[in-house]
Every structure is written in structure tokens, then in C-alpha cells.
Amino acid sequence: MSRKLLVATHNSHKTSEIREILADHFDEVCDLADEPGAVPPEETGTTFAENSAIKALAVGGGREGVWVLADDSGLEVDALGGAPGVFSARYSGEGASDADNRARLLAELACPEHAESARTARFRCVLSLARDGEMVAQFDGAVEGRILAGERGCGGFGYDSLFVPEGFEESFGELPESVKNAISHRARALAKLREWLAAEAG
């Protein structure tokens, strides 16, 4: 029987990354772009884990036998007390573009005390896996790094052009997608999910 995974997002970048990593565990990986009229629920949680679970359960309701995967992820900047955090996608307000959010982040870090050398940060991700409207498991991942004083590179999306992961000199916006996908916060959470799926299959 065909095994289907529905990713609770309209973000094709996320879906593509997930499809590549989980291709050997699911016959089909699709997202909400393939479901006209599907609208993700309001993210009312205060943590990535809460928001991830809200999305997985809401999208999974009424879909018998379909695995649903939802993630909530974002950027935590130490100098800003962990902001933008769960508000990463809407840091400049509802409907904000990636460019708007990057501009606000740079403006808030423009103070002298937020020198580039002190701009430690991390991308964090929590994945929630649900089936038949019930939570099955959660998996988390993070990648440490620092925030640049200005954008570098045009690859990726979100805050990628501002974030340099530990062990590299290039930003996520400059690194090849294959490298980013191997070390990203989402990739690390997905690696834990892959291990879980393999154990379940065994």
C-alpha cells in the first residue's frame, strides 16, 4: 500500500528538503499547495514544539491513514534574548516578507553593543509527526552560528543570507544547497525522524 506523507506547509523549500531526506520512507511527499483551500491553523503556541503540534494535529484531522509532518522553526539571537524565535516568519508583522524581517533584525542589531563578534545565534526546528489526528512523536534539531552585519549570498530563504553556521565562513545564503541541507536545523531534526522510522520499520 502506498505510504503518503503530507507536510503541513505551503513552503516549497521546506517540502523539497523533506522529500529528499525522507524519500526512502514514503512513496509520496506532498504539501498543502496540493490541497486547494487548505489553510494552516493559527500558531498560538509560545514554543516551537507547541506550534508544530498545533499544525500537525489540525492538518491531520480527518485524514485517515495519512502521515502528517509539521515543523515550526526559527532563528534565536542571543543578544535579543532569543528573538525573533517563534515570530521569525512574522517578525515585522503579519504578511511581512523575508526582506522585511531581515531588515528589522539588522536594525535591532545595529547598536554598538551588538558587534558582529558577539552576535551568537542558532536556527532551531521542532518536527511533529501525527497520524489519524493523533500525535505520534516529536523531533528537534539546532545549528549554532552567528549573525552577520549585512547580507551575503542570494541562496536559501528567510534569514539564510545573514546566518553563518559554526565551522564555516560562508552564510547559508552562500553555501551550496547540498551542504546546507546536510547541516541545517531541519536536517538534524529529520535525521532523528529517519532513525525513528527505520526503527519502526524494523
N, C-alpha and C. Protein backbone atom coordinates (compact mmCIF):
# COMPACT_ATOMS: atom_id res chain seq x y z
N MET A 1 0.84 -1.19 0.00
CA MET A 1 0.00 0.00 0.00
C MET A 1 0.88 1.25 0.00
N SER A 2 0.49 2.24 -0.79
CA SER A 2 1.26 3.47 -0.89
C SER A 2 1.30 4.20 0.46
N ARG A 3 2.47 4.68 0.80
CA ARG A 3 2.66 5.39 2.08
C ARG A 3 2.85 6.87 1.76
N LYS A 4 1.93 7.69 2.25
CA LYS A 4 1.92 9.11 1.92
C LYS A 4 2.26 9.97 3.13
N LEU A 5 3.08 11.00 2.90
CA LEU A 5 3.39 11.99 3.92
C LEU A 5 2.91 13.34 3.45
N LEU A 6 2.07 13.98 4.24
CA LEU A 6 1.61 15.33 3.95
C LEU A 6 2.34 16.29 4.87
N VAL A 7 3.09 17.21 4.27
CA VAL A 7 3.82 18.21 5.04
C VAL A 7 2.91 19.44 5.23
N ALA A 8 2.71 19.83 6.46
CA ALA A 8 1.76 20.89 6.78
C ALA A 8 2.38 22.27 6.53
N THR A 9 2.61 22.57 5.26
CA THR A 9 3.19 23.85 4.88
C THR A 9 2.84 24.18 3.44
N HIS A 10 2.95 25.46 3.10
CA HIS A 10 2.86 25.88 1.70
C HIS A 10 4.26 26.23 1.17
N ASN A 11 5.26 26.04 2.02
CA ASN A 11 6.64 26.43 1.69
C ASN A 11 7.32 25.32 0.89
N SER A 12 7.48 25.55 -0.40
CA SER A 12 8.06 24.53 -1.29
C SER A 12 9.51 24.22 -0.94
N HIS A 13 10.23 25.20 -0.37
CA HIS A 13 11.62 24.96 0.02
C HIS A 13 11.69 23.88 1.10
N LYS A 14 10.83 24.00 2.10
CA LYS A 14 10.79 23.00 3.17
C LYS A 14 10.41 21.63 2.63
N THR A 15 9.37 21.61 1.81
CA THR A 15 8.89 20.34 1.27
C THR A 15 9.96 19.65 0.45
N SER A 16 10.68 20.39 -0.35
CA SER A 16 11.73 19.82 -1.18
C SER A 16 12.83 19.19 -0.33
N GLU A 17 13.22 19.88 0.74
CA GLU A 17 14.26 19.37 1.64
C GLU A 17 13.77 18.09 2.33
N ILE A 18 12.52 18.10 2.79
CA ILE A 18 11.96 16.94 3.48
C ILE A 18 11.81 15.76 2.52
N ARG A 19 11.36 16.04 1.32
CA ARG A 19 11.19 14.98 0.32
C ARG A 19 12.52 14.28 0.03
N GLU A 20 13.57 15.07 -0.11
CA GLU A 20 14.89 14.50 -0.42
C GLU A 20 15.39 13.61 0.71
N ILE A 21 15.17 14.03 1.94
CA ILE A 21 15.71 13.30 3.09
C ILE A 21 14.89 12.07 3.44
N LEU A 22 13.57 12.13 3.20
CA LEU A 22 12.68 11.02 3.60
C LEU A 22 12.17 10.19 2.43
N ALA A 23 12.77 10.37 1.26
CA ALA A 23 12.28 9.69 0.04
C ALA A 23 12.21 8.18 0.17
N ASP A 24 13.12 7.58 0.93
CA ASP A 24 13.14 6.12 1.04
C ASP A 24 12.16 5.59 2.08
N HIS A 25 11.44 6.48 2.76
CA HIS A 25 10.47 6.04 3.76
C HIS A 25 9.02 6.30 3.34
N PHE A 26 8.82 7.15 2.33
CA PHE A 26 7.47 7.45 1.87
C PHE A 26 7.42 7.40 0.35
N ASP A 27 6.33 6.84 -0.17
CA ASP A 27 6.16 6.76 -1.62
C ASP A 27 5.78 8.11 -2.21
N GLU A 28 5.13 8.94 -1.39
CA GLU A 28 4.69 10.26 -1.85
C GLU A 28 4.87 11.28 -0.72
N VAL A 29 5.47 12.40 -1.06
CA VAL A 29 5.60 13.51 -0.11
C VAL A 29 5.02 14.75 -0.77
N CYS A 30 3.96 15.28 -0.20
CA CYS A 30 3.32 16.46 -0.77
C CYS A 30 3.07 17.48 0.34
N ASP A 31 2.54 18.63 -0.03
CA ASP A 31 2.26 19.65 0.99
C ASP A 31 0.91 20.30 0.71
N LEU A 32 0.61 21.35 1.43
CA LEU A 32 -0.71 21.97 1.34
C LEU A 32 -0.92 22.71 0.02
N ALA A 33 0.14 22.94 -0.73
CA ALA A 33 -0.01 23.56 -2.05
C ALA A 33 -0.80 22.64 -2.98
N ASP A 34 -0.78 21.33 -2.67
CA ASP A 34 -1.50 20.35 -3.48
C ASP A 34 -2.96 20.19 -3.02
N GLU A 35 -3.34 20.94 -1.99
CA GLU A 35 -4.68 20.80 -1.43
C GLU A 35 -5.38 22.15 -1.45
N PRO A 36 -6.07 22.48 -2.52
CA PRO A 36 -6.75 23.78 -2.65
C PRO A 36 -7.68 24.04 -1.46
N GLY A 37 -7.56 25.22 -0.91
CA GLY A 37 -8.43 25.61 0.21
C GLY A 37 -7.89 25.24 1.57
N ALA A 38 -6.83 24.45 1.63
CA ALA A 38 -6.26 24.07 2.92
C ALA A 38 -5.52 25.26 3.53
N VAL A 39 -5.89 25.58 4.75
CA VAL A 39 -5.28 26.73 5.44
C VAL A 39 -4.69 26.25 6.76
N PRO A 40 -3.39 26.48 6.99
CA PRO A 40 -2.79 26.08 8.26
C PRO A 40 -3.46 26.83 9.42
N PRO A 41 -3.54 26.22 10.59
CA PRO A 41 -4.18 26.88 11.74
C PRO A 41 -3.33 28.03 12.27
N GLU A 42 -3.95 28.85 13.08
CA GLU A 42 -3.22 29.95 13.72
C GLU A 42 -2.23 29.36 14.70
N GLU A 43 -1.01 29.89 14.67
CA GLU A 43 0.05 29.40 15.56
C GLU A 43 -0.02 30.18 16.87
N THR A 44 -0.71 29.62 17.84
CA THR A 44 -0.94 30.31 19.11
C THR A 44 0.01 29.86 20.21
N GLY A 45 0.89 28.93 19.91
CA GLY A 45 1.83 28.43 20.92
C GLY A 45 2.93 29.42 21.24
N THR A 46 3.60 29.18 22.34
CA THR A 46 4.70 30.06 22.76
C THR A 46 6.06 29.41 22.54
N THR A 47 6.05 28.16 22.05
CA THR A 47 7.30 27.46 21.76
C THR A 47 7.19 26.80 20.39
N PHE A 48 8.33 26.43 19.82
CA PHE A 48 8.34 25.74 18.54
C PHE A 48 7.60 24.41 18.65
N ALA A 49 7.77 23.71 19.77
CA ALA A 49 7.12 22.41 19.95
C ALA A 49 5.60 22.57 19.96
N GLU A 50 5.10 23.59 20.65
CA GLU A 50 3.65 23.79 20.72
C GLU A 50 3.08 24.12 19.34
N ASN A 51 3.72 25.04 18.62
CA ASN A 51 3.21 25.42 17.30
C ASN A 51 3.28 24.27 16.31
N SER A 52 4.35 23.50 16.38
CA SER A 52 4.50 22.35 15.50
C SER A 52 3.37 21.35 15.73
N ALA A 53 3.06 21.08 16.99
CA ALA A 53 2.00 20.13 17.32
C ALA A 53 0.63 20.65 16.88
N ILE A 54 0.38 21.94 17.07
CA ILE A 54 -0.89 22.54 16.66
C ILE A 54 -1.13 22.30 15.17
N LYS A 55 -0.09 22.53 14.36
CA LYS A 55 -0.22 22.38 12.92
C LYS A 55 -0.41 20.92 12.51
N ALA A 56 0.35 20.03 13.11
CA ALA A 56 0.25 18.62 12.75
C ALA A 56 -1.13 18.06 13.06
N LEU A 57 -1.66 18.39 14.21
CA LEU A 57 -2.96 17.85 14.62
C LEU A 57 -4.10 18.46 13.82
N ALA A 58 -4.01 19.75 13.55
CA ALA A 58 -5.08 20.42 12.80
C ALA A 58 -5.14 19.92 11.36
N VAL A 59 -3.98 19.82 10.72
CA VAL A 59 -3.94 19.37 9.33
C VAL A 59 -4.26 17.88 9.23
N GLY A 60 -3.87 17.12 10.25
CA GLY A 60 -4.08 15.68 10.20
C GLY A 60 -5.49 15.24 10.51
N GLY A 61 -6.30 16.12 11.10
CA GLY A 61 -7.66 15.75 11.45
C GLY A 61 -8.49 15.35 10.23
N GLY A 62 -9.13 14.18 10.30
CA GLY A 62 -9.98 13.73 9.20
C GLY A 62 -9.25 13.11 8.04
N ARG A 63 -7.95 12.91 8.14
CA ARG A 63 -7.17 12.31 7.04
C ARG A 63 -6.72 10.90 7.46
N GLU A 64 -7.60 9.96 7.35
CA GLU A 64 -7.35 8.61 7.83
C GLU A 64 -6.20 7.95 7.07
N GLY A 65 -5.25 7.43 7.83
CA GLY A 65 -4.15 6.68 7.25
C GLY A 65 -3.02 7.53 6.69
N VAL A 66 -3.17 8.85 6.71
CA VAL A 66 -2.13 9.73 6.15
C VAL A 66 -1.21 10.22 7.27
N TRP A 67 0.08 10.10 7.03
CA TRP A 67 1.05 10.65 7.96
C TRP A 67 1.16 12.16 7.70
N VAL A 68 1.16 12.94 8.75
CA VAL A 68 1.27 14.39 8.62
C VAL A 68 2.49 14.86 9.40
N LEU A 69 3.32 15.66 8.74
CA LEU A 69 4.52 16.20 9.37
C LEU A 69 4.45 17.72 9.37
N ALA A 70 4.60 18.30 10.54
CA ALA A 70 4.60 19.76 10.65
C ALA A 70 5.87 20.19 11.37
N ASP A 71 6.39 21.33 10.96
CA ASP A 71 7.54 21.84 11.69
C ASP A 71 7.28 23.28 12.11
N ASP A 72 7.92 23.66 13.16
CA ASP A 72 7.98 25.07 13.50
C ASP A 72 9.45 25.35 13.75
N SER A 73 9.94 26.36 13.12
CA SER A 73 11.36 26.64 13.20
C SER A 73 11.60 28.13 13.13
N GLY A 74 12.78 28.52 13.56
CA GLY A 74 13.09 29.95 13.51
C GLY A 74 14.48 30.23 14.02
N LEU A 75 14.77 31.50 14.09
CA LEU A 75 16.08 32.00 14.48
C LEU A 75 16.04 32.55 15.89
N GLU A 76 17.00 32.16 16.71
CA GLU A 76 17.14 32.69 18.07
C GLU A 76 18.46 33.45 18.16
N VAL A 77 18.39 34.74 18.45
CA VAL A 77 19.58 35.58 18.56
C VAL A 77 19.82 35.90 20.03
N ASP A 78 20.97 35.52 20.54
CA ASP A 78 21.23 35.67 21.97
C ASP A 78 21.18 37.12 22.43
N ALA A 79 21.71 38.04 21.62
CA ALA A 79 21.73 39.46 22.00
C ALA A 79 20.33 40.04 22.11
N LEU A 80 19.36 39.37 21.49
CA LEU A 80 17.97 39.84 21.53
C LEU A 80 17.11 38.98 22.44
N GLY A 81 17.75 38.24 23.34
CA GLY A 81 17.00 37.43 24.28
C GLY A 81 16.28 36.26 23.64
N GLY A 82 16.80 35.78 22.52
CA GLY A 82 16.17 34.65 21.84
C GLY A 82 15.22 35.04 20.73
N ALA A 83 14.97 36.32 20.55
CA ALA A 83 14.13 36.79 19.44
C ALA A 83 14.91 36.64 18.14
N PRO A 84 14.20 36.53 17.02
CA PRO A 84 12.74 36.55 16.85
C PRO A 84 12.01 35.27 17.26
N GLY A 85 12.71 34.15 17.42
CA GLY A 85 12.09 32.93 17.93
C GLY A 85 10.87 32.48 17.14
N VAL A 86 9.77 32.21 17.87
CA VAL A 86 8.57 31.70 17.21
C VAL A 86 7.93 32.74 16.29
N PHE A 87 8.40 33.97 16.37
CA PHE A 87 7.87 35.02 15.50
C PHE A 87 8.76 35.28 14.29
N SER A 88 9.70 34.37 14.02
CA SER A 88 10.68 34.58 12.95
C SER A 88 10.04 34.91 11.60
N ALA A 89 8.96 34.20 11.24
CA ALA A 89 8.35 34.39 9.92
C ALA A 89 7.53 35.67 9.84
N ARG A 90 7.18 36.24 10.98
CA ARG A 90 6.36 37.46 11.01
C ARG A 90 6.96 38.50 11.94
N TYR A 91 8.28 38.57 11.94
CA TYR A 91 8.99 39.47 12.84
C TYR A 91 8.64 40.94 12.60
N SER A 92 8.36 41.27 11.37
CA SER A 92 8.00 42.66 11.03
C SER A 92 6.49 42.82 10.90
N GLY A 93 5.73 41.86 11.41
CA GLY A 93 4.28 41.94 11.35
C GLY A 93 3.69 40.89 10.43
N GLU A 94 2.39 40.69 10.54
CA GLU A 94 1.71 39.72 9.70
C GLU A 94 1.87 40.10 8.22
N GLY A 95 2.17 39.12 7.40
CA GLY A 95 2.35 39.38 5.98
C GLY A 95 3.71 39.94 5.62
N ALA A 96 4.62 40.01 6.60
CA ALA A 96 5.95 40.55 6.34
C ALA A 96 6.72 39.65 5.38
N SER A 97 7.53 40.26 4.53
CA SER A 97 8.37 39.49 3.62
C SER A 97 9.66 39.10 4.32
N ASP A 98 10.39 38.15 3.73
CA ASP A 98 11.70 37.78 4.29
C ASP A 98 12.61 38.99 4.37
N ALA A 99 12.57 39.83 3.35
CA ALA A 99 13.42 41.02 3.32
C ALA A 99 13.05 41.97 4.46
N ASP A 100 11.76 42.11 4.74
CA ASP A 100 11.31 42.96 5.84
C ASP A 100 11.86 42.45 7.17
N ASN A 101 11.78 41.15 7.36
CA ASN A 101 12.23 40.55 8.61
C ASN A 101 13.75 40.70 8.78
N ARG A 102 14.50 40.51 7.69
CA ARG A 102 15.95 40.67 7.78
C ARG A 102 16.31 42.12 8.09
N ALA A 103 15.59 43.05 7.49
CA ALA A 103 15.86 44.47 7.72
C ALA A 103 15.63 44.84 9.18
N ARG A 104 14.55 44.33 9.77
CA ARG A 104 14.29 44.63 11.17
C ARG A 104 15.37 44.03 12.07
N LEU A 105 15.77 42.80 11.77
CA LEU A 105 16.81 42.17 12.58
C LEU A 105 18.11 42.96 12.53
N LEU A 106 18.51 43.36 11.34
CA LEU A 106 19.74 44.14 11.21
C LEU A 106 19.64 45.48 11.94
N ALA A 107 18.47 46.10 11.88
CA ALA A 107 18.28 47.39 12.57
C ALA A 107 18.40 47.22 14.08
N GLU A 108 17.86 46.13 14.60
CA GLU A 108 17.90 45.92 16.05
C GLU A 108 19.29 45.53 16.53
N LEU A 109 20.10 44.97 15.62
CA LEU A 109 21.45 44.59 15.98
C LEU A 109 22.49 45.66 15.64
N ALA A 110 22.00 46.82 15.18
CA ALA A 110 22.91 47.88 14.76
C ALA A 110 23.57 48.61 15.93
N CYS A 111 23.09 48.39 17.14
CA CYS A 111 23.67 49.06 18.32
C CYS A 111 25.12 48.61 18.51
N PRO A 112 25.98 49.49 19.01
CA PRO A 112 27.40 49.16 19.18
C PRO A 112 27.63 47.91 20.03
N GLU A 113 26.77 47.70 21.03
CA GLU A 113 26.99 46.54 21.91
C GLU A 113 26.71 45.22 21.20
N HIS A 114 26.11 45.29 20.03
CA HIS A 114 25.83 44.07 19.27
C HIS A 114 26.82 43.92 18.13
N ALA A 115 28.10 43.98 18.47
CA ALA A 115 29.15 43.83 17.46
C ALA A 115 29.06 42.44 16.84
N GLU A 116 29.55 42.32 15.62
CA GLU A 116 29.43 41.07 14.88
C GLU A 116 29.99 39.89 15.67
N SER A 117 31.10 40.12 16.39
CA SER A 117 31.73 39.02 17.12
C SER A 117 30.86 38.50 18.26
N ALA A 118 29.86 39.29 18.69
CA ALA A 118 29.01 38.89 19.81
C ALA A 118 27.63 38.44 19.35
N ARG A 119 27.42 38.32 18.06
CA ARG A 119 26.09 38.01 17.54
C ARG A 119 25.85 36.51 17.44
N THR A 120 26.00 35.82 18.53
CA THR A 120 25.76 34.38 18.52
C THR A 120 24.26 34.11 18.35
N ALA A 121 23.96 33.05 17.61
CA ALA A 121 22.57 32.73 17.31
C ALA A 121 22.47 31.27 16.90
N ARG A 122 21.24 30.82 16.75
CA ARG A 122 21.02 29.45 16.26
C ARG A 122 19.70 29.37 15.53
N PHE A 123 19.64 28.49 14.57
CA PHE A 123 18.38 28.10 13.97
C PHE A 123 17.90 26.88 14.73
N ARG A 124 16.62 26.86 15.12
CA ARG A 124 16.06 25.73 15.84
C ARG A 124 14.81 25.23 15.12
N CYS A 125 14.59 23.92 15.15
CA CYS A 125 13.44 23.31 14.50
C CYS A 125 12.86 22.21 15.38
N VAL A 126 11.54 22.15 15.43
CA VAL A 126 10.85 21.02 16.08
C VAL A 126 9.86 20.45 15.07
N LEU A 127 9.96 19.15 14.82
CA LEU A 127 9.06 18.44 13.92
C LEU A 127 8.04 17.66 14.74
N SER A 128 6.79 17.71 14.31
CA SER A 128 5.74 16.90 14.92
C SER A 128 5.17 15.96 13.88
N LEU A 129 5.11 14.69 14.21
CA LEU A 129 4.56 13.67 13.32
C LEU A 129 3.23 13.18 13.89
N ALA A 130 2.19 13.23 13.07
CA ALA A 130 0.85 12.81 13.50
C ALA A 130 0.26 11.84 12.49
N ARG A 131 -0.68 11.05 12.98
CA ARG A 131 -1.42 10.14 12.09
C ARG A 131 -2.82 9.94 12.67
N ASP A 132 -3.81 9.97 11.80
CA ASP A 132 -5.21 9.81 12.22
C ASP A 132 -5.59 10.81 13.32
N GLY A 133 -5.05 12.02 13.20
CA GLY A 133 -5.40 13.08 14.13
C GLY A 133 -4.79 12.98 15.51
N GLU A 134 -3.79 12.10 15.65
CA GLU A 134 -3.13 11.94 16.95
C GLU A 134 -1.62 12.13 16.82
N MET A 135 -1.03 12.76 17.83
CA MET A 135 0.42 12.94 17.84
C MET A 135 1.11 11.60 17.98
N VAL A 136 2.17 11.40 17.19
CA VAL A 136 2.95 10.18 17.25
C VAL A 136 4.30 10.42 17.91
N ALA A 137 4.99 11.49 17.49
CA ALA A 137 6.31 11.77 18.04
C ALA A 137 6.75 13.18 17.66
N GLN A 138 7.75 13.69 18.39
CA GLN A 138 8.36 14.98 18.06
C GLN A 138 9.88 14.82 18.01
N PHE A 139 10.51 15.62 17.15
CA PHE A 139 11.96 15.56 16.95
C PHE A 139 12.49 16.98 16.83
N ASP A 140 13.64 17.26 17.45
CA ASP A 140 14.18 18.61 17.42
C ASP A 140 15.59 18.62 16.86
N GLY A 141 15.98 19.79 16.36
CA GLY A 141 17.33 19.97 15.83
C GLY A 141 17.72 21.43 15.89
N ALA A 142 19.02 21.70 15.99
CA ALA A 142 19.50 23.08 16.06
C ALA A 142 20.88 23.16 15.41
N VAL A 143 21.19 24.33 14.87
CA VAL A 143 22.53 24.58 14.34
C VAL A 143 22.98 25.94 14.86
N GLU A 144 24.14 25.94 15.52
CA GLU A 144 24.69 27.16 16.11
C GLU A 144 25.43 27.97 15.05
N GLY A 145 25.54 29.29 15.29
CA GLY A 145 26.26 30.14 14.36
C GLY A 145 26.26 31.58 14.82
N ARG A 146 26.39 32.49 13.86
CA ARG A 146 26.41 33.92 14.19
C ARG A 146 25.72 34.72 13.10
N ILE A 147 25.30 35.92 13.48
CA ILE A 147 24.61 36.81 12.56
C ILE A 147 25.59 37.83 11.99
N LEU A 148 25.57 37.99 10.68
CA LEU A 148 26.44 38.95 10.00
C LEU A 148 25.92 40.38 10.16
N ALA A 149 26.78 41.35 9.86
CA ALA A 149 26.38 42.75 9.91
C ALA A 149 25.63 43.16 8.65
N GLY A 150 25.69 42.32 7.62
CA GLY A 150 24.98 42.59 6.37
C GLY A 150 24.76 41.30 5.61
N GLU A 151 23.87 41.32 4.66
CA GLU A 151 23.53 40.11 3.91
C GLU A 151 24.66 39.66 2.99
N ARG A 152 24.79 38.34 2.88
CA ARG A 152 25.76 37.75 1.95
C ARG A 152 25.13 36.53 1.29
N GLY A 153 25.12 36.55 -0.03
CA GLY A 153 24.59 35.42 -0.78
C GLY A 153 23.12 35.59 -1.09
N CYS A 154 22.67 34.95 -2.15
CA CYS A 154 21.27 35.06 -2.58
C CYS A 154 20.57 33.71 -2.57
N GLY A 155 21.20 32.70 -2.02
CA GLY A 155 20.56 31.39 -1.94
C GLY A 155 19.69 31.28 -0.70
N GLY A 156 18.96 30.17 -0.61
CA GLY A 156 18.14 29.92 0.56
C GLY A 156 16.96 30.85 0.66
N PHE A 157 16.47 31.04 1.88
CA PHE A 157 15.32 31.90 2.12
C PHE A 157 15.35 32.34 3.58
N GLY A 158 14.39 33.16 3.97
CA GLY A 158 14.33 33.61 5.36
C GLY A 158 15.57 34.41 5.75
N TYR A 159 16.22 33.98 6.82
CA TYR A 159 17.39 34.69 7.35
C TYR A 159 18.71 34.08 6.86
N ASP A 160 18.65 33.20 5.87
CA ASP A 160 19.84 32.45 5.45
C ASP A 160 21.03 33.34 5.07
N SER A 161 20.75 34.46 4.43
CA SER A 161 21.85 35.33 3.97
C SER A 161 22.53 36.08 5.12
N LEU A 162 21.98 35.97 6.32
CA LEU A 162 22.57 36.65 7.49
C LEU A 162 23.23 35.70 8.46
N PHE A 163 23.07 34.39 8.25
CA PHE A 163 23.50 33.41 9.24
C PHE A 163 24.69 32.60 8.75
N VAL A 164 25.77 32.60 9.54
CA VAL A 164 26.96 31.79 9.25
C VAL A 164 27.01 30.65 10.27
N PRO A 165 26.87 29.41 9.84
CA PRO A 165 26.90 28.28 10.78
C PRO A 165 28.30 28.03 11.31
N GLU A 166 28.39 27.49 12.51
CA GLU A 166 29.68 27.17 13.12
C GLU A 166 30.49 26.26 12.21
N GLY A 167 31.79 26.58 12.08
CA GLY A 167 32.67 25.76 11.26
C GLY A 167 32.77 26.21 9.83
N PHE A 168 32.03 27.27 9.47
CA PHE A 168 32.04 27.78 8.10
C PHE A 168 32.29 29.28 8.10
N GLU A 169 32.75 29.78 6.96
CA GLU A 169 32.91 31.23 6.76
C GLU A 169 31.80 31.79 5.90
N GLU A 170 31.12 30.90 5.15
CA GLU A 170 30.04 31.33 4.26
C GLU A 170 28.71 31.31 5.01
N SER A 171 27.81 32.19 4.56
CA SER A 171 26.46 32.20 5.11
C SER A 171 25.66 31.06 4.48
N PHE A 172 24.50 30.77 5.07
CA PHE A 172 23.60 29.79 4.46
C PHE A 172 23.16 30.25 3.07
N GLY A 173 23.20 31.56 2.84
CA GLY A 173 22.85 32.10 1.53
C GLY A 173 23.93 31.89 0.50
N GLU A 174 25.15 31.59 0.95
CA GLU A 174 26.28 31.36 0.05
C GLU A 174 26.62 29.88 -0.11
N LEU A 175 26.34 29.09 0.89
CA LEU A 175 26.69 27.67 0.84
C LEU A 175 25.82 26.93 -0.17
N PRO A 176 26.36 25.92 -0.83
CA PRO A 176 25.55 25.11 -1.74
C PRO A 176 24.38 24.48 -0.98
N GLU A 177 23.27 24.31 -1.65
CA GLU A 177 22.08 23.76 -1.00
C GLU A 177 22.37 22.39 -0.40
N SER A 178 23.21 21.61 -1.07
CA SER A 178 23.53 20.27 -0.57
C SER A 178 24.22 20.33 0.78
N VAL A 179 25.07 21.33 0.98
CA VAL A 179 25.78 21.49 2.25
C VAL A 179 24.80 21.97 3.32
N LYS A 180 24.01 22.97 2.97
CA LYS A 180 23.04 23.50 3.93
C LYS A 180 22.08 22.40 4.38
N ASN A 181 21.58 21.61 3.44
CA ASN A 181 20.63 20.56 3.77
C ASN A 181 21.23 19.48 4.65
N ALA A 182 22.56 19.35 4.61
CA ALA A 182 23.22 18.33 5.42
C ALA A 182 23.43 18.76 6.86
N ILE A 183 23.50 20.08 7.11
CA ILE A 183 23.85 20.56 8.46
C ILE A 183 22.76 21.41 9.09
N SER A 184 21.68 21.68 8.38
CA SER A 184 20.67 22.61 8.90
C SER A 184 19.94 22.05 10.11
N HIS A 185 19.28 22.93 10.84
CA HIS A 185 18.46 22.55 11.99
C HIS A 185 17.38 21.56 11.58
N ARG A 186 16.77 21.79 10.43
CA ARG A 186 15.72 20.90 9.96
C ARG A 186 16.31 19.54 9.58
N ALA A 187 17.49 19.55 8.96
CA ALA A 187 18.14 18.30 8.57
C ALA A 187 18.46 17.46 9.81
N ARG A 188 18.86 18.12 10.89
CA ARG A 188 19.21 17.39 12.11
C ARG A 188 17.96 16.81 12.78
N ALA A 189 16.86 17.55 12.73
CA ALA A 189 15.60 17.01 13.26
C ALA A 189 15.11 15.87 12.37
N LEU A 190 15.26 16.03 11.05
CA LEU A 190 14.83 14.98 10.12
C LEU A 190 15.68 13.72 10.26
N ALA A 191 16.95 13.88 10.62
CA ALA A 191 17.82 12.71 10.84
C ALA A 191 17.29 11.88 12.00
N LYS A 192 16.80 12.56 13.04
CA LYS A 192 16.22 11.84 14.18
C LYS A 192 14.93 11.14 13.75
N LEU A 193 14.15 11.82 12.91
CA LEU A 193 12.92 11.21 12.39
C LEU A 193 13.24 9.99 11.54
N ARG A 194 14.27 10.08 10.71
CA ARG A 194 14.68 8.93 9.88
C ARG A 194 15.05 7.74 10.76
N GLU A 195 15.80 8.00 11.84
CA GLU A 195 16.18 6.92 12.75
C GLU A 195 14.94 6.27 13.36
N TRP A 196 13.97 7.11 13.72
CA TRP A 196 12.73 6.60 14.31
C TRP A 196 11.96 5.75 13.31
N LEU A 197 11.86 6.24 12.08
CA LEU A 197 11.14 5.50 11.03
C LEU A 197 11.83 4.15 10.76
N ALA A 198 13.15 4.17 10.73
CA ALA A 198 13.90 2.93 10.48
C ALA A 198 13.65 1.92 11.59
N ALA A 199 13.64 2.42 12.84
CA ALA A 199 13.40 1.54 13.97
C ALA A 199 11.98 0.97 13.94
N GLU A 200 11.01 1.81 13.54
CA GLU A 200 9.63 1.37 13.46
C GLU A 200 9.47 0.30 12.37
N ALA A 201 10.18 0.51 11.26
CA ALA A 201 10.09 -0.44 10.15
C ALA A 201 10.73 -1.77 10.51
N GLY A 202 11.76 -1.68 11.39
CA GLY A 202 12.45 -2.90 11.77
C GLY A 202 11.68 -3.70 12.78
